[in-house]
Amino acid sequence: MSSMEAYVDPIIDALTPDHGPSAGGTLVTITGHGLSNVEYVVFCRIRVSPINITSNSLQVITPPCNPGTNCTIYLILKDGTSSNKLFYRCL
């Protein structure tokens, strides 16, 4: 990153879908802004690599999670900045 570049704090607006099977494997689209420099998604305390990244959306394949829990989801940028948190319901 040059001195002229700056990361924008990422903001998550929505998860689609916002729930899925505890076995994982669900493709989730995360929408918001400032997402183009996301390094990874923290999904139920597990770091997951995002795919199909744009400035307003990215996708992730969910890891396994504990049934009946609300997993905290947030993003980490390449500079260590993190986003707000949303919840994903593991069924």
PDB file of N, CA and C in Angstrom:
ATOM      1  N   MET A   1       0.851  -1.177   0.000  1.00  0.00           N
ATOM      2  CA  MET A   1       0.000   0.000   0.000  1.00  0.00           C
ATOM      3  C   MET A   1       0.887   1.227   0.000  1.00  0.00           C
ATOM      4  N   SER A   2       0.669   2.131  -0.922  1.00  0.00           N
ATOM      5  CA  SER A   2       1.452   3.363  -0.982  1.00  0.00           C
ATOM      6  C   SER A   2       0.911   4.368   0.021  1.00  0.00           C
ATOM      7  N   SER A   3       1.660   5.426   0.235  1.00  0.00           N
ATOM      8  CA  SER A   3       1.211   6.444   1.180  1.00  0.00           C
ATOM      9  C   SER A   3      -0.033   7.169   0.682  1.00  0.00           C
ATOM     10  N   MET A   4      -0.330   7.068  -0.615  1.00  0.00           N
ATOM     11  CA  MET A   4      -1.523   7.709  -1.178  1.00  0.00           C
ATOM     12  C   MET A   4      -2.773   6.854  -0.980  1.00  0.00           C
ATOM     13  N   GLU A   5      -2.603   5.555  -0.717  1.00  0.00           N
ATOM     14  CA  GLU A   5      -3.735   4.665  -0.542  1.00  0.00           C
ATOM     15  C   GLU A   5      -4.157   4.640   0.918  1.00  0.00           C
ATOM     16  N   ALA A   6      -5.425   4.402   1.120  1.00  0.00           N
ATOM     17  CA  ALA A   6      -5.932   4.233   2.473  1.00  0.00           C
ATOM     18  C   ALA A   6      -7.039   3.199   2.442  1.00  0.00           C
ATOM     19  N   TYR A   7      -7.072   2.371   3.448  1.00  0.00           N
ATOM     20  CA  TYR A   7      -8.148   1.403   3.549  1.00  0.00           C
ATOM     21  C   TYR A   7      -9.380   2.092   4.104  1.00  0.00           C
ATOM     22  N   VAL A   8     -10.542   1.673   3.628  1.00  0.00           N
ATOM     23  CA  VAL A   8     -11.813   2.163   4.137  1.00  0.00           C
ATOM     24  C   VAL A   8     -12.302   1.138   5.142  1.00  0.00           C
ATOM     25  N   ASP A   9     -12.745   1.603   6.310  1.00  0.00           N
ATOM     26  CA  ASP A   9     -13.278   0.668   7.292  1.00  0.00           C
ATOM     27  C   ASP A   9     -14.421  -0.120   6.675  1.00  0.00           C
ATOM     28  N   PRO A  10     -14.357  -1.450   6.752  1.00  0.00           N
ATOM     29  CA  PRO A  10     -15.424  -2.256   6.161  1.00  0.00           C
ATOM     30  C   PRO A  10     -16.688  -2.224   7.016  1.00  0.00           C
ATOM     31  N   ILE A  11     -17.821  -2.192   6.366  1.00  0.00           N
ATOM     32  CA  ILE A  11     -19.125  -2.223   7.029  1.00  0.00           C
ATOM     33  C   ILE A  11     -19.932  -3.367   6.428  1.00  0.00           C
ATOM     34  N   ILE A  12     -20.431  -4.258   7.277  1.00  0.00           N
ATOM     35  CA  ILE A  12     -21.329  -5.317   6.821  1.00  0.00           C
ATOM     36  C   ILE A  12     -22.757  -4.846   7.024  1.00  0.00           C
ATOM     37  N   ASP A  13     -23.537  -4.875   5.936  1.00  0.00           N
ATOM     38  CA  ASP A  13     -24.959  -4.527   6.020  1.00  0.00           C
ATOM     39  C   ASP A  13     -25.840  -5.758   6.161  1.00  0.00           C
ATOM     40  N   ALA A  14     -25.493  -6.861   5.461  1.00  0.00           N
ATOM     41  CA  ALA A  14     -26.372  -8.037   5.458  1.00  0.00           C
ATOM     42  C   ALA A  14     -25.609  -9.305   5.112  1.00  0.00           C
ATOM     43  N   LEU A  15     -26.141 -10.423   5.577  1.00  0.00           N
ATOM     44  CA  LEU A  15     -25.684 -11.765   5.221  1.00  0.00           C
ATOM     45  C   LEU A  15     -26.849 -12.455   4.524  1.00  0.00           C
ATOM     46  N   THR A  16     -26.593 -13.072   3.366  1.00  0.00           N
ATOM     47  CA  THR A  16     -27.656 -13.773   2.652  1.00  0.00           C
ATOM     48  C   THR A  16     -27.152 -15.136   2.228  1.00  0.00           C
ATOM     49  N   PRO A  17     -27.705 -16.214   2.750  1.00  0.00           N
ATOM     50  CA  PRO A  17     -28.687 -16.274   3.833  1.00  0.00           C
ATOM     51  C   PRO A  17     -28.026 -15.976   5.178  1.00  0.00           C
ATOM     52  N   ASP A  18     -28.864 -15.718   6.175  1.00  0.00           N
ATOM     53  CA  ASP A  18     -28.332 -15.415   7.512  1.00  0.00           C
ATOM     54  C   ASP A  18     -28.412 -16.624   8.439  1.00  0.00           C
ATOM     55  N   HIS A  19     -28.650 -17.793   7.858  1.00  0.00           N
ATOM     56  CA  HIS A  19     -28.710 -19.034   8.626  1.00  0.00           C
ATOM     57  C   HIS A  19     -28.419 -20.205   7.691  1.00  0.00           C
ATOM     58  N   GLY A  20     -28.043 -21.326   8.280  1.00  0.00           N
ATOM     59  CA  GLY A  20     -27.762 -22.499   7.474  1.00  0.00           C
ATOM     60  C   GLY A  20     -27.420 -23.691   8.334  1.00  0.00           C
ATOM     61  N   PRO A  21     -27.185 -24.836   7.701  1.00  0.00           N
ATOM     62  CA  PRO A  21     -26.921 -26.065   8.443  1.00  0.00           C
ATOM     63  C   PRO A  21     -25.594 -26.022   9.203  1.00  0.00           C
ATOM     64  N   SER A  22     -25.582 -26.668  10.347  1.00  0.00           N
ATOM     65  CA  SER A  22     -24.376 -26.680  11.183  1.00  0.00           C
ATOM     66  C   SER A  22     -23.230 -27.453  10.528  1.00  0.00           C
ATOM     67  N   ALA A  23     -23.527 -28.263   9.527  1.00  0.00           N
ATOM     68  CA  ALA A  23     -22.474 -29.001   8.821  1.00  0.00           C
ATOM     69  C   ALA A  23     -21.593 -28.078   7.995  1.00  0.00           C
ATOM     70  N   GLY A  24     -22.048 -26.845   7.745  1.00  0.00           N
ATOM     71  CA  GLY A  24     -21.291 -25.897   6.929  1.00  0.00           C
ATOM     72  C   GLY A  24     -21.532 -26.151   5.451  1.00  0.00           C
ATOM     73  N   GLY A  25     -20.721 -25.512   4.613  1.00  0.00           N
ATOM     74  CA  GLY A  25     -20.828 -25.684   3.178  1.00  0.00           C
ATOM     75  C   GLY A  25     -21.822 -24.773   2.487  1.00  0.00           C
ATOM     76  N   THR A  26     -22.407 -23.825   3.203  1.00  0.00           N
ATOM     77  CA  THR A  26     -23.371 -22.895   2.623  1.00  0.00           C
ATOM     78  C   THR A  26     -22.642 -21.697   2.035  1.00  0.00           C
ATOM     79  N   LEU A  27     -23.014 -21.314   0.815  1.00  0.00           N
ATOM     80  CA  LEU A  27     -22.458 -20.110   0.198  1.00  0.00           C
ATOM     81  C   LEU A  27     -23.227 -18.909   0.734  1.00  0.00           C
ATOM     82  N   VAL A  28     -22.530 -18.027   1.440  1.00  0.00           N
ATOM     83  CA  VAL A  28     -23.133 -16.829   2.024  1.00  0.00           C
ATOM     84  C   VAL A  28     -22.577 -15.606   1.319  1.00  0.00           C
ATOM     85  N   THR A  29     -23.463 -14.711   0.910  1.00  0.00           N
ATOM     86  CA  THR A  29     -23.069 -13.433   0.330  1.00  0.00           C
ATOM     87  C   THR A  29     -23.134 -12.378   1.429  1.00  0.00           C
ATOM     88  N   ILE A  30     -22.030 -11.666   1.594  1.00  0.00           N
ATOM     89  CA  ILE A  30     -21.941 -10.575   2.565  1.00  0.00           C
ATOM     90  C   ILE A  30     -21.953  -9.278   1.774  1.00  0.00           C
ATOM     91  N   THR A  31     -22.904  -8.401   2.084  1.00  0.00           N
ATOM     92  CA  THR A  31     -22.973  -7.114   1.399  1.00  0.00           C
ATOM     93  C   THR A  31     -22.683  -5.993   2.394  1.00  0.00           C
ATOM     94  N   GLY A  32     -22.144  -4.912   1.859  1.00  0.00           N
ATOM     95  CA  GLY A  32     -21.799  -3.754   2.669  1.00  0.00           C
ATOM     96  C   GLY A  32     -20.981  -2.791   1.843  1.00  0.00           C
ATOM     97  N   HIS A  33     -20.001  -2.139   2.460  1.00  0.00           N
ATOM     98  CA  HIS A  33     -19.098  -1.267   1.724  1.00  0.00           C
ATOM     99  C   HIS A  33     -17.713  -1.294   2.354  1.00  0.00           C
ATOM    100  N   GLY A  34     -16.723  -0.971   1.509  1.00  0.00           N
ATOM    101  CA  GLY A  34     -15.336  -1.043   1.931  1.00  0.00           C
ATOM    102  C   GLY A  34     -14.826  -2.473   1.995  1.00  0.00           C
ATOM    103  N   LEU A  35     -15.373  -3.356   1.151  1.00  0.00           N
ATOM    104  CA  LEU A  35     -15.049  -4.776   1.236  1.00  0.00           C
ATOM    105  C   LEU A  35     -13.928  -5.230   0.307  1.00  0.00           C
ATOM    106  N   SER A  36     -13.450  -4.367  -0.571  1.00  0.00           N
ATOM    107  CA  SER A  36     -12.488  -4.800  -1.591  1.00  0.00           C
ATOM    108  C   SER A  36     -11.126  -5.215  -1.028  1.00  0.00           C
ATOM    109  N   ASN A  37     -10.767  -4.800   0.173  1.00  0.00           N
ATOM    110  CA  ASN A  37      -9.469  -5.168   0.755  1.00  0.00           C
ATOM    111  C   ASN A  37      -9.581  -6.161   1.902  1.00  0.00           C
ATOM    112  N   VAL A  38     -10.675  -6.934   1.921  1.00  0.00           N
ATOM    113  CA  VAL A  38     -10.863  -7.919   2.978  1.00  0.00           C
ATOM    114  C   VAL A  38      -9.872  -9.060   2.791  1.00  0.00           C
ATOM    115  N   GLU A  39      -9.163  -9.390   3.855  1.00  0.00           N
ATOM    116  CA  GLU A  39      -8.217 -10.507   3.811  1.00  0.00           C
ATOM    117  C   GLU A  39      -8.900 -11.816   4.188  1.00  0.00           C
ATOM    118  N   TYR A  40      -9.723 -11.768   5.236  1.00  0.00           N
ATOM    119  CA  TYR A  40     -10.453 -12.965   5.604  1.00  0.00           C
ATOM    120  C   TYR A  40     -11.709 -12.596   6.395  1.00  0.00           C
ATOM    121  N   VAL A  41     -12.606 -13.580   6.493  1.00  0.00           N
ATOM    122  CA  VAL A  41     -13.842 -13.461   7.251  1.00  0.00           C
ATOM    123  C   VAL A  41     -13.676 -14.320   8.498  1.00  0.00           C
ATOM    124  N   VAL A  42     -14.030 -13.774   9.642  1.00  0.00           N
ATOM    125  CA  VAL A  42     -14.042 -14.571  10.863  1.00  0.00           C
ATOM    126  C   VAL A  42     -15.483 -15.053  11.022  1.00  0.00           C
ATOM    127  N   PHE A  43     -15.626 -16.363  10.954  1.00  0.00           N
ATOM    128  CA  PHE A  43     -16.938 -16.996  10.951  1.00  0.00           C
ATOM    129  C   PHE A  43     -16.959 -18.014  12.082  1.00  0.00           C
ATOM    130  N   CYS A  44     -17.680 -17.701  13.156  1.00  0.00           N
ATOM    131  CA  CYS A  44     -17.718 -18.592  14.329  1.00  0.00           C
ATOM    132  C   CYS A  44     -16.311 -18.870  14.847  1.00  0.00           C
ATOM    133  N   ARG A  45     -15.492 -17.831  14.934  1.00  0.00           N
ATOM    134  CA  ARG A  45     -14.104 -17.887  15.433  1.00  0.00           C
ATOM    135  C   ARG A  45     -13.138 -18.592  14.482  1.00  0.00           C
ATOM    136  N   ILE A  46     -13.589 -18.902  13.269  1.00  0.00           N
ATOM    137  CA  ILE A  46     -12.741 -19.569  12.283  1.00  0.00           C
ATOM    138  C   ILE A  46     -12.460 -18.594  11.146  1.00  0.00           C
ATOM    139  N   ARG A  47     -11.192 -18.455  10.768  1.00  0.00           N
ATOM    140  CA  ARG A  47     -10.827 -17.601   9.637  1.00  0.00           C
ATOM    141  C   ARG A  47     -11.141 -18.333   8.337  1.00  0.00           C
ATOM    142  N   VAL A  48     -11.900 -17.662   7.465  1.00  0.00           N
ATOM    143  CA  VAL A  48     -12.310 -18.235   6.190  1.00  0.00           C
ATOM    144  C   VAL A  48     -11.915 -17.260   5.083  1.00  0.00           C
ATOM    145  N   SER A  49     -11.370 -17.777   4.004  1.00  0.00           N
ATOM    146  CA  SER A  49     -10.988 -16.927   2.871  1.00  0.00           C
ATOM    147  C   SER A  49     -12.218 -16.539   2.060  1.00  0.00           C
ATOM    148  N   PRO A  50     -12.378 -15.245   1.766  1.00  0.00           N
ATOM    149  CA  PRO A  50     -13.509 -14.806   0.956  1.00  0.00           C
ATOM    150  C   PRO A  50     -13.263 -15.088  -0.525  1.00  0.00           C
ATOM    151  N   ILE A  51     -14.340 -15.169  -1.288  1.00  0.00           N
ATOM    152  CA  ILE A  51     -14.275 -15.336  -2.743  1.00  0.00           C
ATOM    153  C   ILE A  51     -15.164 -14.284  -3.394  1.00  0.00           C
ATOM    154  N   ASN A  52     -14.953 -14.060  -4.685  1.00  0.00           N
ATOM    155  CA  ASN A  52     -15.783 -13.118  -5.464  1.00  0.00           C
ATOM    156  C   ASN A  52     -15.900 -11.760  -4.784  1.00  0.00           C
ATOM    157  N   ILE A  53     -14.776 -11.162  -4.449  1.00  0.00           N
ATOM    158  CA  ILE A  53     -14.742  -9.906  -3.693  1.00  0.00           C
ATOM    159  C   ILE A  53     -14.916  -8.700  -4.607  1.00  0.00           C
ATOM    160  N   THR A  54     -15.830  -7.808  -4.232  1.00  0.00           N
ATOM    161  CA  THR A  54     -15.958  -6.491  -4.848  1.00  0.00           C
ATOM    162  C   THR A  54     -15.982  -5.476  -3.708  1.00  0.00           C
ATOM    163  N   SER A  55     -16.120  -4.197  -4.023  1.00  0.00           N
ATOM    164  CA  SER A  55     -16.160  -3.190  -2.961  1.00  0.00           C
ATOM    165  C   SER A  55     -17.447  -3.271  -2.138  1.00  0.00           C
ATOM    166  N   ASN A  56     -18.503  -3.894  -2.715  1.00  0.00           N
ATOM    167  CA  ASN A  56     -19.798  -3.940  -2.026  1.00  0.00           C
ATOM    168  C   ASN A  56     -20.282  -5.329  -1.640  1.00  0.00           C
ATOM    169  N   SER A  57     -19.552  -6.369  -2.037  1.00  0.00           N
ATOM    170  CA  SER A  57     -19.978  -7.719  -1.662  1.00  0.00           C
ATOM    171  C   SER A  57     -18.810  -8.696  -1.737  1.00  0.00           C
ATOM    172  N   LEU A  58     -18.981  -9.798  -1.055  1.00  0.00           N
ATOM    173  CA  LEU A  58     -18.059 -10.924  -1.146  1.00  0.00           C
ATOM    174  C   LEU A  58     -18.842 -12.155  -0.745  1.00  0.00           C
ATOM    175  N   GLN A  59     -18.258 -13.306  -1.035  1.00  0.00           N
ATOM    176  CA  GLN A  59     -18.910 -14.550  -0.665  1.00  0.00           C
ATOM    177  C   GLN A  59     -17.952 -15.396   0.157  1.00  0.00           C
ATOM    178  N   VAL A  60     -18.524 -16.295   0.936  1.00  0.00           N
ATOM    179  CA  VAL A  60     -17.755 -17.195   1.779  1.00  0.00           C
ATOM    180  C   VAL A  60     -18.529 -18.505   1.879  1.00  0.00           C
ATOM    181  N   ILE A  61     -17.783 -19.608   1.973  1.00  0.00           N
ATOM    182  CA  ILE A  61     -18.386 -20.908   2.242  1.00  0.00           C
ATOM    183  C   ILE A  61     -18.295 -21.132   3.744  1.00  0.00           C
ATOM    184  N   THR A  62     -19.434 -21.388   4.373  1.00  0.00           N
ATOM    185  CA  THR A  62     -19.455 -21.507   5.828  1.00  0.00           C
ATOM    186  C   THR A  62     -18.726 -22.753   6.316  1.00  0.00           C
ATOM    187  N   PRO A  63     -17.990 -22.618   7.417  1.00  0.00           N
ATOM    188  CA  PRO A  63     -17.392 -23.785   8.065  1.00  0.00           C
ATOM    189  C   PRO A  63     -18.449 -24.443   8.956  1.00  0.00           C
ATOM    190  N   PRO A  64     -18.171 -25.623   9.465  1.00  0.00           N
ATOM    191  CA  PRO A  64     -19.102 -26.231  10.424  1.00  0.00           C
ATOM    192  C   PRO A  64     -19.245 -25.345  11.668  1.00  0.00           C
ATOM    193  N   CYS A  65     -20.410 -25.405  12.284  1.00  0.00           N
ATOM    194  CA  CYS A  65     -20.666 -24.631  13.502  1.00  0.00           C
ATOM    195  C   CYS A  65     -21.582 -25.442  14.415  1.00  0.00           C
ATOM    196  N   ASN A  66     -21.705 -25.009  15.647  1.00  0.00           N
ATOM    197  CA  ASN A  66     -22.526 -25.721  16.630  1.00  0.00           C
ATOM    198  C   ASN A  66     -24.005 -25.470  16.370  1.00  0.00           C
ATOM    199  N   PRO A  67     -24.823 -26.529  16.263  1.00  0.00           N
ATOM    200  CA  PRO A  67     -26.258 -26.353  16.025  1.00  0.00           C
ATOM    201  C   PRO A  67     -26.910 -25.483  17.097  1.00  0.00           C
ATOM    202  N   GLY A  68     -27.818 -24.635  16.663  1.00  0.00           N
ATOM    203  CA  GLY A  68     -28.574 -23.807  17.590  1.00  0.00           C
ATOM    204  C   GLY A  68     -27.847 -22.580  18.096  1.00  0.00           C
ATOM    205  N   THR A  69     -26.700 -22.245  17.506  1.00  0.00           N
ATOM    206  CA  THR A  69     -25.950 -21.079  17.974  1.00  0.00           C
ATOM    207  C   THR A  69     -26.036 -19.932  16.983  1.00  0.00           C
ATOM    208  N   ASN A  70     -25.827 -18.737  17.486  1.00  0.00           N
ATOM    209  CA  ASN A  70     -25.667 -17.555  16.647  1.00  0.00           C
ATOM    210  C   ASN A  70     -24.174 -17.280  16.557  1.00  0.00           C
ATOM    211  N   CYS A  71     -23.605 -17.503  15.392  1.00  0.00           N
ATOM    212  CA  CYS A  71     -22.171 -17.278  15.195  1.00  0.00           C
ATOM    213  C   CYS A  71     -21.908 -15.825  14.856  1.00  0.00           C
ATOM    214  N   THR A  72     -20.889 -15.276  15.467  1.00  0.00           N
ATOM    215  CA  THR A  72     -20.469 -13.921  15.158  1.00  0.00           C
ATOM    216  C   THR A  72     -19.671 -13.929  13.859  1.00  0.00           C
ATOM    217  N   ILE A  73     -20.011 -13.010  12.957  1.00  0.00           N
ATOM    218  CA  ILE A  73     -19.338 -12.871  11.669  1.00  0.00           C
ATOM    219  C   ILE A  73     -18.778 -11.455  11.584  1.00  0.00           C
ATOM    220  N   TYR A  74     -17.494 -11.343  11.222  1.00  0.00           N
ATOM    221  CA  TYR A  74     -16.918 -10.035  10.940  1.00  0.00           C
ATOM    222  C   TYR A  74     -15.771 -10.192   9.964  1.00  0.00           C
ATOM    223  N   LEU A  75     -15.307  -9.084   9.431  1.00  0.00           N
ATOM    224  CA  LEU A  75     -14.282  -9.062   8.397  1.00  0.00           C
ATOM    225  C   LEU A  75     -13.002  -8.450   8.933  1.00  0.00           C
ATOM    226  N   ILE A  76     -11.871  -8.919   8.406  1.00  0.00           N
ATOM    227  CA  ILE A  76     -10.573  -8.334   8.736  1.00  0.00           C
ATOM    228  C   ILE A  76      -9.909  -7.906   7.429  1.00  0.00           C
ATOM    229  N   LEU A  77      -9.493  -6.636   7.371  1.00  0.00           N
ATOM    230  CA  LEU A  77      -8.778  -6.125   6.197  1.00  0.00           C
ATOM    231  C   LEU A  77      -7.305  -6.512   6.276  1.00  0.00           C
ATOM    232  N   LYS A  78      -6.599  -6.304   5.173  1.00  0.00           N
ATOM    233  CA  LYS A  78      -5.173  -6.623   5.094  1.00  0.00           C
ATOM    234  C   LYS A  78      -4.347  -5.811   6.084  1.00  0.00           C
ATOM    235  N   ASP A  79      -4.843  -4.641   6.501  1.00  0.00           N
ATOM    236  CA  ASP A  79      -4.106  -3.822   7.470  1.00  0.00           C
ATOM    237  C   ASP A  79      -4.508  -4.115   8.916  1.00  0.00           C
ATOM    238  N   GLY A  80      -5.380  -5.120   9.123  1.00  0.00           N
ATOM    239  CA  GLY A  80      -5.810  -5.498  10.461  1.00  0.00           C
ATOM    240  C   GLY A  80      -7.085  -4.839  10.941  1.00  0.00           C
ATOM    241  N   THR A  81      -7.615  -3.885  10.187  1.00  0.00           N
ATOM    242  CA  THR A  81      -8.873  -3.227  10.536  1.00  0.00           C
ATOM    243  C   THR A  81     -10.002  -4.244  10.490  1.00  0.00           C
ATOM    244  N   SER A  82     -10.926  -4.170  11.434  1.00  0.00           N
ATOM    245  CA  SER A  82     -12.058  -5.089  11.420  1.00  0.00           C
ATOM    246  C   SER A  82     -13.375  -4.345  11.218  1.00  0.00           C
ATOM    247  N   SER A  83     -14.377  -5.090  10.801  1.00  0.00           N
ATOM    248  CA  SER A  83     -15.704  -4.531  10.533  1.00  0.00           C
ATOM    249  C   SER A  83     -16.595  -4.649  11.766  1.00  0.00           C
ATOM    250  N   ASN A  84     -17.807  -4.170  11.592  1.00  0.00           N
ATOM    251  CA  ASN A  84     -18.860  -4.430  12.569  1.00  0.00           C
ATOM    252  C   ASN A  84     -19.179  -5.919  12.541  1.00  0.00           C
ATOM    253  N   LYS A  85     -20.013  -6.372  13.453  1.00  0.00           N
ATOM    254  CA  LYS A  85     -20.340  -7.806  13.550  1.00  0.00           C
ATOM    255  C   LYS A  85     -21.822  -8.035  13.279  1.00  0.00           C
ATOM    256  N   LEU A  86     -22.095  -9.138  12.588  1.00  0.00           N
ATOM    257  CA  LEU A  86     -23.467  -9.622  12.411  1.00  0.00           C
ATOM    258  C   LEU A  86     -23.486 -11.068  12.869  1.00  0.00           C
ATOM    259  N   PHE A  87     -24.684 -11.638  12.934  1.00  0.00           N
ATOM    260  CA  PHE A  87     -24.822 -13.006  13.398  1.00  0.00           C
ATOM    261  C   PHE A  87     -25.395 -13.922  12.326  1.00  0.00           C
ATOM    262  N   TYR A  88     -24.907 -15.145  12.313  1.00  0.00           N
ATOM    263  CA  TYR A  88     -25.351 -16.203  11.411  1.00  0.00           C
ATOM    264  C   TYR A  88     -25.883 -17.312  12.304  1.00  0.00           C
ATOM    265  N   ARG A  89     -27.112 -17.767  12.039  1.00  0.00           N
ATOM    266  CA  ARG A  89     -27.751 -18.800  12.863  1.00  0.00           C
ATOM    267  C   ARG A  89     -27.417 -20.185  12.319  1.00  0.00           C
ATOM    268  N   CYS A  90     -26.783 -21.015  13.130  1.00  0.00           N
ATOM    269  CA  CYS A  90     -26.470 -22.395  12.762  1.00  0.00           C
ATOM    270  C   CYS A  90     -27.643 -23.287  13.156  1.00  0.00           C
ATOM    271  N   LEU A  91     -28.180 -23.984  12.188  1.00  0.00           N
ATOM    272  CA  LEU A  91     -29.357 -24.827  12.430  1.00  0.00           C
ATOM    273  C   LEU A  91     -28.982 -26.267  12.733  1.00  0.00           C
TER     274      LEU A  91
END
